[in-house]
Amino acid sequence: MSARALTALAGVVAVIIYASMPGNPPTPARQAERATYDLKLSACVLAERAVTDRLKAPSTAKFPWGCSDRVVIDAWEVRVHGYVDAQNGFGAMLRSQWTVVYARAPGASDGLSLRSVAIQ
């Protein structure tokens, strides 16, 4: 084996060993931050699905990229606001504002229970 191949192999082994080493355990603040991020992400995905299910032409739905900045979380509910571009019943593309409200439900698999969907 050439010196270059041995160096490459040693580099790969070093990366594998480094990647397999356990890191520092997350702090409580970091865990809370991660839980909030996960809740926002779940709320965004579920809200877009709820809105899509109520459109005339769901296959044409185009949502903006990113959603977590449009999520409001309080003690009892989670609100997600946004817009969607989709075709109406006549085939014209329209932009509609929407709001989806979830009740926080600890017993649910994702911690959310759909309360309302409003599309203007």
PDB file of N, CA and C in Angstrom:
ATOM      1  N   MET A   1       0.840  -1.166   0.000  1.00  0.00           N
ATOM      2  CA  MET A   1       0.000   0.000   0.000  1.00  0.00           C
ATOM      3  C   MET A   1       0.893   1.239   0.000  1.00  0.00           C
ATOM      4  N   SER A   2       0.516   2.234  -0.757  1.00  0.00           N
ATOM      5  CA  SER A   2       1.337   3.440  -0.857  1.00  0.00           C
ATOM      6  C   SER A   2       1.157   4.311   0.388  1.00  0.00           C
ATOM      7  N   ALA A   3       2.061   5.233   0.564  1.00  0.00           N
ATOM      8  CA  ALA A   3       2.003   6.140   1.713  1.00  0.00           C
ATOM      9  C   ALA A   3       0.745   6.997   1.656  1.00  0.00           C
ATOM     10  N   ARG A   4       0.347   7.405   0.457  1.00  0.00           N
ATOM     11  CA  ARG A   4      -0.852   8.236   0.294  1.00  0.00           C
ATOM     12  C   ARG A   4      -2.106   7.457   0.696  1.00  0.00           C
ATOM     13  N   ALA A   5      -2.183   6.183   0.315  1.00  0.00           N
ATOM     14  CA  ALA A   5      -3.325   5.342   0.673  1.00  0.00           C
ATOM     15  C   ALA A   5      -3.376   5.112   2.184  1.00  0.00           C
ATOM     16  N   LEU A   6      -2.203   4.892   2.793  1.00  0.00           N
ATOM     17  CA  LEU A   6      -2.158   4.707   4.248  1.00  0.00           C
ATOM     18  C   LEU A   6      -2.592   5.967   4.986  1.00  0.00           C
ATOM     19  N   THR A   7      -2.199   7.118   4.492  1.00  0.00           N
ATOM     20  CA  THR A   7      -2.599   8.384   5.107  1.00  0.00           C
ATOM     21  C   THR A   7      -4.109   8.573   4.988  1.00  0.00           C
ATOM     22  N   ALA A   8      -4.669   8.278   3.843  1.00  0.00           N
ATOM     23  CA  ALA A   8      -6.117   8.391   3.644  1.00  0.00           C
ATOM     24  C   ALA A   8      -6.860   7.432   4.555  1.00  0.00           C
ATOM     25  N   LEU A   9      -6.367   6.193   4.661  1.00  0.00           N
ATOM     26  CA  LEU A   9      -6.992   5.196   5.526  1.00  0.00           C
ATOM     27  C   LEU A   9      -6.932   5.632   6.979  1.00  0.00           C
ATOM     28  N   ALA A  10      -5.806   6.171   7.401  1.00  0.00           N
ATOM     29  CA  ALA A  10      -5.659   6.655   8.775  1.00  0.00           C
ATOM     30  C   ALA A  10      -6.627   7.802   9.044  1.00  0.00           C
ATOM     31  N   GLY A  11      -6.831   8.675   8.063  1.00  0.00           N
ATOM     32  CA  GLY A  11      -7.775   9.783   8.208  1.00  0.00           C
ATOM     33  C   GLY A  11      -9.198   9.289   8.364  1.00  0.00           C
ATOM     34  N   VAL A  12      -9.581   8.298   7.577  1.00  0.00           N
ATOM     35  CA  VAL A  12     -10.929   7.735   7.657  1.00  0.00           C
ATOM     36  C   VAL A  12     -11.144   7.084   9.016  1.00  0.00           C
ATOM     37  N   VAL A  13     -10.170   6.328   9.492  1.00  0.00           N
ATOM     38  CA  VAL A  13     -10.271   5.665  10.796  1.00  0.00           C
ATOM     39  C   VAL A  13     -10.392   6.714  11.901  1.00  0.00           C
ATOM     40  N   ALA A  14      -9.617   7.787  11.813  1.00  0.00           N
ATOM     41  CA  ALA A  14      -9.677   8.843  12.826  1.00  0.00           C
ATOM     42  C   ALA A  14     -11.057   9.494  12.851  1.00  0.00           C
ATOM     43  N   VAL A  15     -11.634   9.741  11.700  1.00  0.00           N
ATOM     44  CA  VAL A  15     -12.974  10.340  11.631  1.00  0.00           C
ATOM     45  C   VAL A  15     -14.008   9.402  12.226  1.00  0.00           C
ATOM     46  N   ILE A  16     -13.918   8.119  11.936  1.00  0.00           N
ATOM     47  CA  ILE A  16     -14.866   7.142  12.481  1.00  0.00           C
ATOM     48  C   ILE A  16     -14.749   7.078  14.003  1.00  0.00           C
ATOM     49  N   ILE A  17     -13.546   7.046  14.515  1.00  0.00           N
ATOM     50  CA  ILE A  17     -13.354   6.993  15.969  1.00  0.00           C
ATOM     51  C   ILE A  17     -13.887   8.268  16.618  1.00  0.00           C
ATOM     52  N   TYR A  18     -13.591   9.423  16.037  1.00  0.00           N
ATOM     53  CA  TYR A  18     -14.060  10.690  16.587  1.00  0.00           C
ATOM     54  C   TYR A  18     -15.591  10.764  16.571  1.00  0.00           C
ATOM     55  N   ALA A  19     -16.200  10.315  15.480  1.00  0.00           N
ATOM     56  CA  ALA A  19     -17.655  10.369  15.360  1.00  0.00           C
ATOM     57  C   ALA A  19     -18.344   9.423  16.332  1.00  0.00           C
ATOM     58  N   SER A  20     -17.691   8.338  16.710  1.00  0.00           N
ATOM     59  CA  SER A  20     -18.325   7.368  17.594  1.00  0.00           C
ATOM     60  C   SER A  20     -18.151   7.703  19.069  1.00  0.00           C
ATOM     61  N   MET A  21     -17.334   8.709  19.394  1.00  0.00           N
ATOM     62  CA  MET A  21     -17.117   9.090  20.789  1.00  0.00           C
ATOM     63  C   MET A  21     -18.341   9.824  21.319  1.00  0.00           C
ATOM     64  N   PRO A  22     -18.775   9.491  22.541  1.00  0.00           N
ATOM     65  CA  PRO A  22     -19.933  10.194  23.101  1.00  0.00           C
ATOM     66  C   PRO A  22     -19.571  11.637  23.410  1.00  0.00           C
ATOM     67  N   GLY A  23     -20.493  12.527  23.150  1.00  0.00           N
ATOM     68  CA  GLY A  23     -20.266  13.939  23.424  1.00  0.00           C
ATOM     69  C   GLY A  23     -20.726  14.278  24.823  1.00  0.00           C
ATOM     70  N   ASN A  24     -20.661  15.541  25.149  1.00  0.00           N
ATOM     71  CA  ASN A  24     -21.146  15.989  26.442  1.00  0.00           C
ATOM     72  C   ASN A  24     -22.664  15.889  26.471  1.00  0.00           C
ATOM     73  N   PRO A  25     -23.242  15.509  27.605  1.00  0.00           N
ATOM     74  CA  PRO A  25     -24.706  15.451  27.669  1.00  0.00           C
ATOM     75  C   PRO A  25     -25.292  16.853  27.551  1.00  0.00           C
ATOM     76  N   PRO A  26     -26.461  16.978  26.907  1.00  0.00           N
ATOM     77  CA  PRO A  26     -27.055  18.304  26.721  1.00  0.00           C
ATOM     78  C   PRO A  26     -27.513  18.890  28.063  1.00  0.00           C
ATOM     79  N   THR A  27     -27.419  20.199  28.164  1.00  0.00           N
ATOM     80  CA  THR A  27     -27.869  20.898  29.364  1.00  0.00           C
ATOM     81  C   THR A  27     -29.394  20.980  29.360  1.00  0.00           C
ATOM     82  N   PRO A  28     -30.022  21.230  30.506  1.00  0.00           N
ATOM     83  CA  PRO A  28     -31.483  21.387  30.529  1.00  0.00           C
ATOM     84  C   PRO A  28     -31.969  22.499  29.605  1.00  0.00           C
ATOM     85  N   ALA A  29     -31.205  23.585  29.522  1.00  0.00           N
ATOM     86  CA  ALA A  29     -31.604  24.678  28.623  1.00  0.00           C
ATOM     87  C   ALA A  29     -31.570  24.224  27.171  1.00  0.00           C
ATOM     88  N   ARG A  30     -30.555  23.464  26.816  1.00  0.00           N
ATOM     89  CA  ARG A  30     -30.439  22.940  25.440  1.00  0.00           C
ATOM     90  C   ARG A  30     -31.556  21.949  25.145  1.00  0.00           C
ATOM     91  N   GLN A  31     -31.913  21.121  26.129  1.00  0.00           N
ATOM     92  CA  GLN A  31     -33.013  20.170  25.946  1.00  0.00           C
ATOM     93  C   GLN A  31     -34.338  20.904  25.742  1.00  0.00           C
ATOM     94  N   ALA A  32     -34.573  21.971  26.504  1.00  0.00           N
ATOM     95  CA  ALA A  32     -35.806  22.753  26.355  1.00  0.00           C
ATOM     96  C   ALA A  32     -35.852  23.432  24.991  1.00  0.00           C
ATOM     97  N   GLU A  33     -34.708  23.950  24.557  1.00  0.00           N
ATOM     98  CA  GLU A  33     -34.626  24.579  23.239  1.00  0.00           C
ATOM     99  C   GLU A  33     -34.943  23.565  22.135  1.00  0.00           C
ATOM    100  N   ARG A  34     -34.416  22.368  22.271  1.00  0.00           N
ATOM    101  CA  ARG A  34     -34.663  21.312  21.282  1.00  0.00           C
ATOM    102  C   ARG A  34     -36.134  20.892  21.283  1.00  0.00           C
ATOM    103  N   ALA A  35     -36.746  20.805  22.471  1.00  0.00           N
ATOM    104  CA  ALA A  35     -38.159  20.433  22.558  1.00  0.00           C
ATOM    105  C   ALA A  35     -39.043  21.489  21.897  1.00  0.00           C
ATOM    106  N   THR A  36     -38.712  22.761  22.086  1.00  0.00           N
ATOM    107  CA  THR A  36     -39.470  23.842  21.448  1.00  0.00           C
ATOM    108  C   THR A  36     -39.313  23.779  19.935  1.00  0.00           C
ATOM    109  N   TYR A  37     -38.103  23.555  19.467  1.00  0.00           N
ATOM    110  CA  TYR A  37     -37.859  23.426  18.031  1.00  0.00           C
ATOM    111  C   TYR A  37     -38.653  22.261  17.455  1.00  0.00           C
ATOM    112  N   ASP A  38     -38.636  21.122  18.131  1.00  0.00           N
ATOM    113  CA  ASP A  38     -39.375  19.948  17.654  1.00  0.00           C
ATOM    114  C   ASP A  38     -40.874  20.221  17.616  1.00  0.00           C
ATOM    115  N   LEU A  39     -41.399  20.916  18.628  1.00  0.00           N
ATOM    116  CA  LEU A  39     -42.825  21.245  18.661  1.00  0.00           C
ATOM    117  C   LEU A  39     -43.183  22.170  17.500  1.00  0.00           C
ATOM    118  N   LYS A  40     -42.342  23.175  17.237  1.00  0.00           N
ATOM    119  CA  LYS A  40     -42.605  24.089  16.123  1.00  0.00           C
ATOM    120  C   LYS A  40     -42.570  23.358  14.789  1.00  0.00           C
ATOM    121  N   LEU A  41     -41.601  22.488  14.623  1.00  0.00           N
ATOM    122  CA  LEU A  41     -41.489  21.735  13.376  1.00  0.00           C
ATOM    123  C   LEU A  41     -42.699  20.831  13.171  1.00  0.00           C
ATOM    124  N   SER A  42     -43.107  20.121  14.215  1.00  0.00           N
ATOM    125  CA  SER A  42     -44.292  19.256  14.123  1.00  0.00           C
ATOM    126  C   SER A  42     -45.529  20.073  13.785  1.00  0.00           C
ATOM    127  N   ALA A  43     -45.685  21.223  14.459  1.00  0.00           N
ATOM    128  CA  ALA A  43     -46.849  22.074  14.211  1.00  0.00           C
ATOM    129  C   ALA A  43     -46.865  22.562  12.766  1.00  0.00           C
ATOM    130  N   CYS A  44     -45.720  22.931  12.219  1.00  0.00           N
ATOM    131  CA  CYS A  44     -45.648  23.398  10.826  1.00  0.00           C
ATOM    132  C   CYS A  44     -46.061  22.307   9.848  1.00  0.00           C
ATOM    133  N   VAL A  45     -45.498  21.127  10.028  1.00  0.00           N
ATOM    134  CA  VAL A  45     -45.792  20.018   9.116  1.00  0.00           C
ATOM    135  C   VAL A  45     -47.270  19.646   9.187  1.00  0.00           C
ATOM    136  N   LEU A  46     -47.796  19.536  10.398  1.00  0.00           N
ATOM    137  CA  LEU A  46     -49.203  19.171  10.560  1.00  0.00           C
ATOM    138  C   LEU A  46     -50.132  20.267  10.043  1.00  0.00           C
ATOM    139  N   ALA A  47     -49.760  21.536  10.243  1.00  0.00           N
ATOM    140  CA  ALA A  47     -50.600  22.644   9.768  1.00  0.00           C
ATOM    141  C   ALA A  47     -50.657  22.658   8.245  1.00  0.00           C
ATOM    142  N   GLU A  48     -49.514  22.479   7.593  1.00  0.00           N
ATOM    143  CA  GLU A  48     -49.520  22.462   6.129  1.00  0.00           C
ATOM    144  C   GLU A  48     -50.344  21.289   5.608  1.00  0.00           C
ATOM    145  N   ARG A  49     -50.287  20.157   6.286  1.00  0.00           N
ATOM    146  CA  ARG A  49     -51.104  19.006   5.883  1.00  0.00           C
ATOM    147  C   ARG A  49     -52.592  19.309   6.070  1.00  0.00           C
ATOM    148  N   ALA A  50     -52.953  19.962   7.186  1.00  0.00           N
ATOM    149  CA  ALA A  50     -54.358  20.297   7.449  1.00  0.00           C
ATOM    150  C   ALA A  50     -54.885  21.283   6.409  1.00  0.00           C
ATOM    151  N   VAL A  51     -54.065  22.262   6.028  1.00  0.00           N
ATOM    152  CA  VAL A  51     -54.475  23.236   5.014  1.00  0.00           C
ATOM    153  C   VAL A  51     -54.602  22.541   3.658  1.00  0.00           C
ATOM    154  N   THR A  52     -53.625  21.727   3.297  1.00  0.00           N
ATOM    155  CA  THR A  52     -53.643  21.018   2.010  1.00  0.00           C
ATOM    156  C   THR A  52     -54.890  20.162   1.872  1.00  0.00           C
ATOM    157  N   ASP A  53     -55.283  19.504   2.946  1.00  0.00           N
ATOM    158  CA  ASP A  53     -56.472  18.640   2.913  1.00  0.00           C
ATOM    159  C   ASP A  53     -57.752  19.408   2.631  1.00  0.00           C
ATOM    160  N   ARG A  54     -57.747  20.718   2.841  1.00  0.00           N
ATOM    161  CA  ARG A  54     -58.962  21.516   2.672  1.00  0.00           C
ATOM    162  C   ARG A  54     -58.978  22.338   1.378  1.00  0.00           C
ATOM    163  N   LEU A  55     -57.976  22.169   0.525  1.00  0.00           N
ATOM    164  CA  LEU A  55     -57.912  22.922  -0.731  1.00  0.00           C
ATOM    165  C   LEU A  55     -58.682  22.230  -1.844  1.00  0.00           C
ATOM    166  N   LYS A  56     -59.132  23.010  -2.831  1.00  0.00           N
ATOM    167  CA  LYS A  56     -59.831  22.459  -4.001  1.00  0.00           C
ATOM    168  C   LYS A  56     -58.887  21.631  -4.868  1.00  0.00           C
ATOM    169  N   ALA A  57     -57.634  22.087  -5.001  1.00  0.00           N
ATOM    170  CA  ALA A  57     -56.632  21.379  -5.805  1.00  0.00           C
ATOM    171  C   ALA A  57     -55.384  21.188  -4.943  1.00  0.00           C
ATOM    172  N   PRO A  58     -55.413  20.228  -4.032  1.00  0.00           N
ATOM    173  CA  PRO A  58     -54.300  20.066  -3.084  1.00  0.00           C
ATOM    174  C   PRO A  58     -52.952  19.787  -3.744  1.00  0.00           C
ATOM    175  N   SER A  59     -52.952  19.162  -4.896  1.00  0.00           N
ATOM    176  CA  SER A  59     -51.681  18.836  -5.546  1.00  0.00           C
ATOM    177  C   SER A  59     -50.959  20.076  -6.061  1.00  0.00           C
ATOM    178  N   THR A  60     -51.655  21.218  -6.153  1.00  0.00           N
ATOM    179  CA  THR A  60     -51.038  22.448  -6.639  1.00  0.00           C
ATOM    180  C   THR A  60     -50.502  23.328  -5.514  1.00  0.00           C
ATOM    181  N   ALA A  61     -50.670  22.909  -4.262  1.00  0.00           N
ATOM    182  CA  ALA A  61     -50.287  23.734  -3.106  1.00  0.00           C
ATOM    183  C   ALA A  61     -48.787  23.985  -3.068  1.00  0.00           C
ATOM    184  N   LYS A  62     -48.433  25.246  -2.883  1.00  0.00           N
ATOM    185  CA  LYS A  62     -47.038  25.663  -2.733  1.00  0.00           C
ATOM    186  C   LYS A  62     -46.947  26.511  -1.464  1.00  0.00           C
ATOM    187  N   PHE A  63     -46.235  26.004  -0.476  1.00  0.00           N
ATOM    188  CA  PHE A  63     -46.034  26.719   0.774  1.00  0.00           C
ATOM    189  C   PHE A  63     -44.654  27.360   0.760  1.00  0.00           C
ATOM    190  N   PRO A  64     -44.469  28.477   1.463  1.00  0.00           N
ATOM    191  CA  PRO A  64     -43.135  29.077   1.523  1.00  0.00           C
ATOM    192  C   PRO A  64     -42.192  28.172   2.308  1.00  0.00           C
ATOM    193  N   TRP A  65     -40.898  28.301   2.044  1.00  0.00           N
ATOM    194  CA  TRP A  65     -39.914  27.506   2.752  1.00  0.00           C
ATOM    195  C   TRP A  65     -39.766  28.040   4.166  1.00  0.00           C
ATOM    196  N   GLY A  66     -39.671  27.160   5.130  1.00  0.00           N
ATOM    197  CA  GLY A  66     -39.484  27.567   6.521  1.00  0.00           C
ATOM    198  C   GLY A  66     -40.788  28.001   7.146  1.00  0.00           C
ATOM    199  N   CYS A  67     -40.954  27.661   8.391  1.00  0.00           N
ATOM    200  CA  CYS A  67     -42.236  27.943   9.017  1.00  0.00           C
ATOM    201  C   CYS A  67     -42.088  28.274  10.493  1.00  0.00           C
ATOM    202  N   SER A  68     -40.982  27.918  11.102  1.00  0.00           N
ATOM    203  CA  SER A  68     -40.877  28.011  12.558  1.00  0.00           C
ATOM    204  C   SER A  68     -41.012  29.432  13.091  1.00  0.00           C
ATOM    205  N   ASP A  69     -40.740  30.447  12.266  1.00  0.00           N
ATOM    206  CA  ASP A  69     -40.895  31.824  12.729  1.00  0.00           C
ATOM    207  C   ASP A  69     -42.359  32.262  12.728  1.00  0.00           C
ATOM    208  N   ARG A  70     -43.243  31.437  12.202  1.00  0.00           N
ATOM    209  CA  ARG A  70     -44.670  31.760  12.152  1.00  0.00           C
ATOM    210  C   ARG A  70     -45.477  30.908  13.123  1.00  0.00           C
ATOM    211  N   VAL A  71     -44.824  30.366  14.127  1.00  0.00           N
ATOM    212  CA  VAL A  71     -45.472  29.527  15.126  1.00  0.00           C
ATOM    213  C   VAL A  71     -45.469  30.270  16.453  1.00  0.00           C
ATOM    214  N   VAL A  72     -46.643  30.351  17.086  1.00  0.00           N
ATOM    215  CA  VAL A  72     -46.771  30.985  18.398  1.00  0.00           C
ATOM    216  C   VAL A  72     -47.189  29.900  19.380  1.00  0.00           C
ATOM    217  N   ILE A  73     -46.385  29.727  20.414  1.00  0.00           N
ATOM    218  CA  ILE A  73     -46.650  28.691  21.411  1.00  0.00           C
ATOM    219  C   ILE A  73     -46.987  29.361  22.732  1.00  0.00           C
ATOM    220  N   ASP A  74     -48.102  28.959  23.339  1.00  0.00           N
ATOM    221  CA  ASP A  74     -48.377  29.376  24.708  1.00  0.00           C
ATOM    222  C   ASP A  74     -48.706  28.134  25.535  1.00  0.00           C
ATOM    223  N   ALA A  75     -49.155  28.340  26.747  1.00  0.00           N
ATOM    224  CA  ALA A  75     -49.345  27.217  27.661  1.00  0.00           C
ATOM    225  C   ALA A  75     -50.401  26.226  27.177  1.00  0.00           C
ATOM    226  N   TRP A  76     -51.430  26.700  26.481  1.00  0.00           N
ATOM    227  CA  TRP A  76     -52.561  25.836  26.136  1.00  0.00           C
ATOM    228  C   TRP A  76     -52.701  25.524  24.664  1.00  0.00           C
ATOM    229  N   GLU A  77     -52.126  26.344  23.802  1.00  0.00           N
ATOM    230  CA  GLU A  77     -52.302  26.098  22.374  1.00  0.00           C
ATOM    231  C   GLU A  77     -51.091  26.525  21.568  1.00  0.00           C
ATOM    232  N   VAL A  78     -51.087  26.061  20.319  1.00  0.00           N
ATOM    233  CA  VAL A  78     -50.045  26.395  19.353  1.00  0.00           C
ATOM    234  C   VAL A  78     -50.749  26.925  18.113  1.00  0.00           C
ATOM    235  N   ARG A  79     -50.361  28.136  17.662  1.00  0.00           N
ATOM    236  CA  ARG A  79     -50.941  28.748  16.463  1.00  0.00           C
ATOM    237  C   ARG A  79     -49.872  28.813  15.379  1.00  0.00           C
ATOM    238  N   VAL A  80     -50.270  28.439  14.170  1.00  0.00           N
ATOM    239  CA  VAL A  80     -49.373  28.508  13.027  1.00  0.00           C
ATOM    240  C   VAL A  80     -50.057  29.376  11.971  1.00  0.00           C
ATOM    241  N   HIS A  81     -49.336  30.380  11.472  1.00  0.00           N
ATOM    242  CA  HIS A  81     -49.859  31.295  10.455  1.00  0.00           C
ATOM    243  C   HIS A  81     -49.026  31.148   9.189  1.00  0.00           C
ATOM    244  N   GLY A  82     -49.657  31.370   8.055  1.00  0.00           N
ATOM    245  CA  GLY A  82     -48.898  31.318   6.821  1.00  0.00           C
ATOM    246  C   GLY A  82     -49.755  31.613   5.615  1.00  0.00           C
ATOM    247  N   TYR A  83     -49.197  31.323   4.460  1.00  0.00           N
ATOM    248  CA  TYR A  83     -49.945  31.464   3.215  1.00  0.00           C
ATOM    249  C   TYR A  83     -49.635  30.273   2.325  1.00  0.00           C
ATOM    250  N   VAL A  84     -50.522  30.058   1.371  1.00  0.00           N
ATOM    251  CA  VAL A  84     -50.340  28.985   0.400  1.00  0.00           C
ATOM    252  C   VAL A  84     -50.764  29.512  -0.964  1.00  0.00           C
ATOM    253  N   ASP A  85     -50.006  29.160  -1.977  1.00  0.00           N
ATOM    254  CA  ASP A  85     -50.395  29.440  -3.359  1.00  0.00           C
ATOM    255  C   ASP A  85     -50.955  28.143  -3.921  1.00  0.00           C
ATOM    256  N   ALA A  86     -52.211  28.183  -4.379  1.00  0.00           N
ATOM    257  CA  ALA A  86     -52.849  26.979  -4.918  1.00  0.00           C
ATOM    258  C   ALA A  86     -53.934  27.386  -5.895  1.00  0.00           C
ATOM    259  N   GLN A  87     -54.304  26.440  -6.750  1.00  0.00           N
ATOM    260  CA  GLN A  87     -55.365  26.700  -7.724  1.00  0.00           C
ATOM    261  C   GLN A  87     -56.726  26.652  -7.036  1.00  0.00           C
ATOM    262  N   ASN A  88     -57.611  27.551  -7.493  1.00  0.00           N
ATOM    263  CA  ASN A  88     -58.990  27.500  -7.017  1.00  0.00           C
ATOM    264  C   ASN A  88     -59.793  26.565  -7.921  1.00  0.00           C
ATOM    265  N   GLY A  89     -61.094  26.528  -7.762  1.00  0.00           N
ATOM    266  CA  GLY A  89     -61.947  25.642  -8.541  1.00  0.00           C
ATOM    267  C   GLY A  89     -61.942  25.925 -10.036  1.00  0.00           C
ATOM    268  N   PHE A  90     -61.506  27.138 -10.433  1.00  0.00           N
ATOM    269  CA  PHE A  90     -61.473  27.511 -11.847  1.00  0.00           C
ATOM    270  C   PHE A  90     -60.082  27.379 -12.462  1.00  0.00           C
ATOM    271  N   GLY A  91     -59.114  26.929 -11.683  1.00  0.00           N
ATOM    272  CA  GLY A  91     -57.759  26.728 -12.195  1.00  0.00           C
ATOM    273  C   GLY A  91     -56.837  27.924 -12.050  1.00  0.00           C
ATOM    274  N   ALA A  92     -57.306  29.011 -11.460  1.00  0.00           N
ATOM    275  CA  ALA A  92     -56.460  30.192 -11.260  1.00  0.00           C
ATOM    276  C   ALA A  92     -55.647  30.024  -9.979  1.00  0.00           C
ATOM    277  N   MET A  93     -54.383  30.421 -10.038  1.00  0.00           N
ATOM    278  CA  MET A  93     -53.542  30.361  -8.839  1.00  0.00           C
ATOM    279  C   MET A  93     -53.875  31.546  -7.939  1.00  0.00           C
ATOM    280  N   LEU A  94     -54.149  31.250  -6.688  1.00  0.00           N
ATOM    281  CA  LEU A  94     -54.459  32.280  -5.701  1.00  0.00           C
ATOM    282  C   LEU A  94     -53.588  32.100  -4.477  1.00  0.00           C
ATOM    283  N   ARG A  95     -53.287  33.207  -3.813  1.00  0.00           N
ATOM    284  CA  ARG A  95     -52.570  33.151  -2.538  1.00  0.00           C
ATOM    285  C   ARG A  95     -53.599  33.331  -1.430  1.00  0.00           C
ATOM    286  N   SER A  96     -53.617  32.385  -0.516  1.00  0.00           N
ATOM    287  CA  SER A  96     -54.559  32.427   0.599  1.00  0.00           C
ATOM    288  C   SER A  96     -53.800  32.423   1.917  1.00  0.00           C
ATOM    289  N   GLN A  97     -54.218  33.291   2.830  1.00  0.00           N
ATOM    290  CA  GLN A  97     -53.680  33.301   4.184  1.00  0.00           C
ATOM    291  C   GLN A  97     -54.387  32.232   4.999  1.00  0.00           C
ATOM    292  N   TRP A  98     -53.690  31.615   5.929  1.00  0.00           N
ATOM    293  CA  TRP A  98     -54.312  30.593   6.759  1.00  0.00           C
ATOM    294  C   TRP A  98     -53.777  30.646   8.183  1.00  0.00           C
ATOM    295  N   THR A  99     -54.581  30.137   9.092  1.00  0.00           N
ATOM    296  CA  THR A  99     -54.201  29.997  10.496  1.00  0.00           C
ATOM    297  C   THR A  99     -54.707  28.647  10.963  1.00  0.00           C
ATOM    298  N   VAL A 100     -53.836  27.898  11.600  1.00  0.00           N
ATOM    299  CA  VAL A 100     -54.205  26.610  12.174  1.00  0.00           C
ATOM    300  C   VAL A 100     -53.915  26.686  13.671  1.00  0.00           C
ATOM    301  N   VAL A 101     -54.887  26.253  14.468  1.00  0.00           N
ATOM    302  CA  VAL A 101     -54.740  26.281  15.918  1.00  0.00           C
ATOM    303  C   VAL A 101     -54.795  24.850  16.445  1.00  0.00           C
ATOM    304  N   TYR A 102     -53.819  24.512  17.275  1.00  0.00           N
ATOM    305  CA  TYR A 102     -53.765  23.218  17.936  1.00  0.00           C
ATOM    306  C   TYR A 102     -53.864  23.412  19.434  1.00  0.00           C
ATOM    307  N   ALA A 103     -54.579  22.527  20.089  1.00  0.00           N
ATOM    308  CA  ALA A 103     -54.541  22.470  21.545  1.00  0.00           C
ATOM    309  C   ALA A 103     -53.348  21.612  21.921  1.00  0.00           C
ATOM    310  N   ARG A 104     -52.671  21.987  22.974  1.00  0.00           N
ATOM    311  CA  ARG A 104     -51.556  21.160  23.435  1.00  0.00           C
ATOM    312  C   ARG A 104     -52.150  19.974  24.174  1.00  0.00           C
ATOM    313  N   ALA A 105     -51.879  18.795  23.663  1.00  0.00           N
ATOM    314  CA  ALA A 105     -52.457  17.560  24.196  1.00  0.00           C
ATOM    315  C   ALA A 105     -51.341  16.583  24.523  1.00  0.00           C
ATOM    316  N   PRO A 106     -50.899  16.544  25.775  1.00  0.00           N
ATOM    317  CA  PRO A 106     -49.787  15.671  26.134  1.00  0.00           C
ATOM    318  C   PRO A 106     -50.019  14.198  25.797  1.00  0.00           C
ATOM    319  N   GLY A 107     -51.268  13.754  25.753  1.00  0.00           N
ATOM    320  CA  GLY A 107     -51.550  12.355  25.456  1.00  0.00           C
ATOM    321  C   GLY A 107     -51.417  11.996  23.982  1.00  0.00           C
ATOM    322  N   ALA A 108     -51.459  12.989  23.090  1.00  0.00           N
ATOM    323  CA  ALA A 108     -51.360  12.725  21.648  1.00  0.00           C
ATOM    324  C   ALA A 108     -49.929  12.352  21.296  1.00  0.00           C
ATOM    325  N   SER A 109     -49.775  11.605  20.212  1.00  0.00           N
ATOM    326  CA  SER A 109     -48.445  11.130  19.819  1.00  0.00           C
ATOM    327  C   SER A 109     -47.484  12.281  19.532  1.00  0.00           C
ATOM    328  N   ASP A 110     -47.988  13.389  18.969  1.00  0.00           N
ATOM    329  CA  ASP A 110     -47.136  14.537  18.679  1.00  0.00           C
ATOM    330  C   ASP A 110     -47.365  15.685  19.651  1.00  0.00           C
ATOM    331  N   GLY A 111     -48.224  15.488  20.650  1.00  0.00           N
ATOM    332  CA  GLY A 111     -48.488  16.511  21.648  1.00  0.00           C
ATOM    333  C   GLY A 111     -49.451  17.593  21.203  1.00  0.00           C
ATOM    334  N   LEU A 112     -50.109  17.409  20.036  1.00  0.00           N
ATOM    335  CA  LEU A 112     -51.000  18.424  19.491  1.00  0.00           C
ATOM    336  C   LEU A 112     -52.324  17.800  19.077  1.00  0.00           C
ATOM    337  N   SER A 113     -53.392  18.553  19.287  1.00  0.00           N
ATOM    338  CA  SER A 113     -54.727  18.122  18.871  1.00  0.00           C
ATOM    339  C   SER A 113     -55.347  19.265  18.067  1.00  0.00           C
ATOM    340  N   LEU A 114     -55.741  19.005  16.825  1.00  0.00           N
ATOM    341  CA  LEU A 114     -56.270  20.042  15.937  1.00  0.00           C
ATOM    342  C   LEU A 114     -57.524  20.659  16.512  1.00  0.00           C
ATOM    343  N   ARG A 115     -57.518  22.001  16.611  1.00  0.00           N
ATOM    344  CA  ARG A 115     -58.667  22.720  17.116  1.00  0.00           C
ATOM    345  C   ARG A 115     -59.414  23.436  15.989  1.00  0.00           C
ATOM    346  N   SER A 116     -58.659  24.137  15.096  1.00  0.00           N
ATOM    347  CA  SER A 116     -59.339  24.847  14.006  1.00  0.00           C
ATOM    348  C   SER A 116     -58.385  25.127  12.854  1.00  0.00           C
ATOM    349  N   VAL A 117     -58.987  25.249  11.660  1.00  0.00           N
ATOM    350  CA  VAL A 117     -58.261  25.622  10.444  1.00  0.00           C
ATOM    351  C   VAL A 117     -59.060  26.730   9.771  1.00  0.00           C
ATOM    352  N   ALA A 118     -58.430  27.879   9.558  1.00  0.00           N
ATOM    353  CA  ALA A 118     -59.086  28.985   8.888  1.00  0.00           C
ATOM    354  C   ALA A 118     -58.271  29.386   7.671  1.00  0.00           C
ATOM    355  N   ILE A 119     -58.912  29.358   6.501  1.00  0.00           N
ATOM    356  CA  ILE A 119     -58.260  29.752   5.244  1.00  0.00           C
ATOM    357  C   ILE A 119     -59.068  30.906   4.672  1.00  0.00           C
ATOM    358  N   GLN A 120     -58.396  32.052   4.437  1.00  0.00           N
ATOM    359  CA  GLN A 120     -59.101  33.221   3.883  1.00  0.00           C
ATOM    360  C   GLN A 120     -58.886  33.256   2.389  1.00  0.00           C
TER     361      GLN A 120
END
